[in-house]
């Protein structure tokens, strides 16, 4: 659909598309960024995803943000939530 916007001639000046969402919209935008097939550049326009304050994030590994960096949960956290990394 994004490619059709440019190639159809309806938006000849299109240079950038920003997909943004807040809260549950942020979750949708993050999932779109993960699962859509936006081709790598070069393409007719740039695509940017902005997921603001989603209630949950999809992570690709067991690390989570702690203290400004990605780290594995400590043993106590794994005991409190043993299936934190189960999909």
C-alpha atoms as a PDB file:
ATOM      1  CA  UNK A   1       0.000   0.000   0.000  1.00  0.00           C
ATOM      2  CA  UNK A   2       2.832   2.406   0.775  1.00  0.00           C
ATOM      3  CA  UNK A   3       4.504   1.708  -2.556  1.00  0.00           C
ATOM      4  CA  UNK A   4       1.234   2.258  -4.420  1.00  0.00           C
ATOM      5  CA  UNK A   5       0.970   5.753  -2.933  1.00  0.00           C
ATOM      6  CA  UNK A   6       4.145   6.768  -4.722  1.00  0.00           C
ATOM      7  CA  UNK A   7       3.916   4.736  -7.928  1.00  0.00           C
ATOM      8  CA  UNK A   8       0.274   5.619  -8.634  1.00  0.00           C
ATOM      9  CA  UNK A   9       1.260   9.236  -9.208  1.00  0.00           C
ATOM     10  CA  UNK A  10      -1.257  10.434  -6.603  1.00  0.00           C
ATOM     11  CA  UNK A  11       1.541  11.740  -4.356  1.00  0.00           C
ATOM     12  CA  UNK A  12       4.433  12.655  -6.654  1.00  0.00           C
ATOM     13  CA  UNK A  13       6.248  14.718  -4.000  1.00  0.00           C
ATOM     14  CA  UNK A  14       6.146  11.996  -1.340  1.00  0.00           C
ATOM     15  CA  UNK A  15       9.603  11.710   0.223  1.00  0.00           C
ATOM     16  CA  UNK A  16       8.986  10.341   3.720  1.00  0.00           C
ATOM     17  CA  UNK A  17       6.329   8.329   5.552  1.00  0.00           C
ATOM     18  CA  UNK A  18       6.175   8.326   9.351  1.00  0.00           C
ATOM     19  CA  UNK A  19       4.011   5.687  11.016  1.00  0.00           C
ATOM     20  CA  UNK A  20       3.433   6.801  14.606  1.00  0.00           C
ATOM     21  CA  UNK A  21       1.300   5.455  17.401  1.00  0.00           C
ATOM     22  CA  UNK A  22       0.812   6.042  21.122  1.00  0.00           C
ATOM     23  CA  UNK A  23      -0.118   3.395  23.707  1.00  0.00           C
ATOM     24  CA  UNK A  24      -1.929   0.556  21.894  1.00  0.00           C
ATOM     25  CA  UNK A  25      -1.183   2.382  18.634  1.00  0.00           C
ATOM     26  CA  UNK A  26       2.498   2.196  19.610  1.00  0.00           C
ATOM     27  CA  UNK A  27       2.166  -1.575  19.914  1.00  0.00           C
ATOM     28  CA  UNK A  28       0.654  -1.753  16.430  1.00  0.00           C
ATOM     29  CA  UNK A  29       3.417   0.431  14.978  1.00  0.00           C
ATOM     30  CA  UNK A  30       6.135  -1.710  16.585  1.00  0.00           C
ATOM     31  CA  UNK A  31       4.572  -4.912  15.258  1.00  0.00           C
ATOM     32  CA  UNK A  32       4.292  -3.316  11.815  1.00  0.00           C
ATOM     33  CA  UNK A  33       7.987  -2.438  11.943  1.00  0.00           C
ATOM     34  CA  UNK A  34       8.834  -6.019  12.889  1.00  0.00           C
ATOM     35  CA  UNK A  35       6.572  -7.925  10.529  1.00  0.00           C
ATOM     36  CA  UNK A  36       6.057  -5.691   7.487  1.00  0.00           C
ATOM     37  CA  UNK A  37       8.132  -6.139   4.384  1.00  0.00           C
ATOM     38  CA  UNK A  38       9.293  -2.564   3.878  1.00  0.00           C
ATOM     39  CA  UNK A  39      12.204  -2.964   1.460  1.00  0.00           C
ATOM     40  CA  UNK A  40      15.611  -1.677   2.488  1.00  0.00           C
ATOM     41  CA  UNK A  41      16.783   1.590   0.996  1.00  0.00           C
ATOM     42  CA  UNK A  42      17.061   2.743  -1.700  1.00  0.00           C
ATOM     43  CA  UNK A  43      13.340   2.956  -2.229  1.00  0.00           C
ATOM     44  CA  UNK A  44      11.101   5.734  -3.530  1.00  0.00           C
ATOM     45  CA  UNK A  45      10.685   7.208  -0.018  1.00  0.00           C
ATOM     46  CA  UNK A  46      11.922   6.761   3.552  1.00  0.00           C
ATOM     47  CA  UNK A  47       9.759   4.947   6.106  1.00  0.00           C
ATOM     48  CA  UNK A  48      10.121   5.649   9.833  1.00  0.00           C
ATOM     49  CA  UNK A  49       8.296   3.872  12.664  1.00  0.00           C
ATOM     50  CA  UNK A  50       7.703   5.726  15.951  1.00  0.00           C
ATOM     51  CA  UNK A  51       6.233   3.595  18.749  1.00  0.00           C
ATOM     52  CA  UNK A  52       5.441   5.887  21.688  1.00  0.00           C
ATOM     53  CA  UNK A  53       4.688   4.458  25.131  1.00  0.00           C
ATOM     54  CA  UNK A  54       3.303   1.050  24.173  1.00  0.00           C
ATOM     55  CA  UNK A  55       2.144  -1.021  27.132  1.00  0.00           C
ATOM     56  CA  UNK A  56       4.395  -3.848  25.931  1.00  0.00           C
ATOM     57  CA  UNK A  57       7.301  -4.337  23.566  1.00  0.00           C
ATOM     58  CA  UNK A  58       8.223  -7.350  21.447  1.00  0.00           C
ATOM     59  CA  UNK A  59      11.805  -8.388  22.216  1.00  0.00           C
ATOM     60  CA  UNK A  60      13.955 -10.610  20.009  1.00  0.00           C
ATOM     61  CA  UNK A  61      15.925 -12.168  22.861  1.00  0.00           C
ATOM     62  CA  UNK A  62      15.863 -12.641  26.639  1.00  0.00           C
ATOM     63  CA  UNK A  63      17.533  -9.295  27.424  1.00  0.00           C
ATOM     64  CA  UNK A  64      15.446  -6.391  28.767  1.00  0.00           C
ATOM     65  CA  UNK A  65      16.214  -2.735  29.376  1.00  0.00           C
ATOM     66  CA  UNK A  66      17.594  -2.229  32.896  1.00  0.00           C
ATOM     67  CA  UNK A  67      19.523   0.799  34.009  1.00  0.00           C
ATOM     68  CA  UNK A  68      19.851   2.178  30.489  1.00  0.00           C
ATOM     69  CA  UNK A  69      21.210  -0.999  28.896  1.00  0.00           C
ATOM     70  CA  UNK A  70      20.028  -4.394  27.724  1.00  0.00           C
ATOM     71  CA  UNK A  71      20.696  -7.094  30.319  1.00  0.00           C
ATOM     72  CA  UNK A  72      19.412 -10.474  31.400  1.00  0.00           C
ATOM     73  CA  UNK A  73      17.031 -10.404  34.379  1.00  0.00           C
ATOM     74  CA  UNK A  74      18.629 -11.365  37.671  1.00  0.00           C
ATOM     75  CA  UNK A  75      17.756 -14.649  39.394  1.00  0.00           C
ATOM     76  CA  UNK A  76      15.144 -13.050  41.661  1.00  0.00           C
ATOM     77  CA  UNK A  77      13.308 -11.548  38.697  1.00  0.00           C
ATOM     78  CA  UNK A  78      13.304 -14.914  36.891  1.00  0.00           C
ATOM     79  CA  UNK A  79      11.802 -16.577  39.994  1.00  0.00           C
ATOM     80  CA  UNK A  80       9.063 -13.910  40.223  1.00  0.00           C
ATOM     81  CA  UNK A  81       8.230 -14.274  36.537  1.00  0.00           C
ATOM     82  CA  UNK A  82       9.579 -17.576  35.192  1.00  0.00           C
ATOM     83  CA  UNK A  83       7.873 -17.306  31.808  1.00  0.00           C
ATOM     84  CA  UNK A  84       8.843 -13.672  31.056  1.00  0.00           C
ATOM     85  CA  UNK A  85      10.424 -14.733  27.752  1.00  0.00           C
ATOM     86  CA  UNK A  86       7.718 -17.166  26.585  1.00  0.00           C
ATOM     87  CA  UNK A  87       5.816 -16.269  23.444  1.00  0.00           C
END
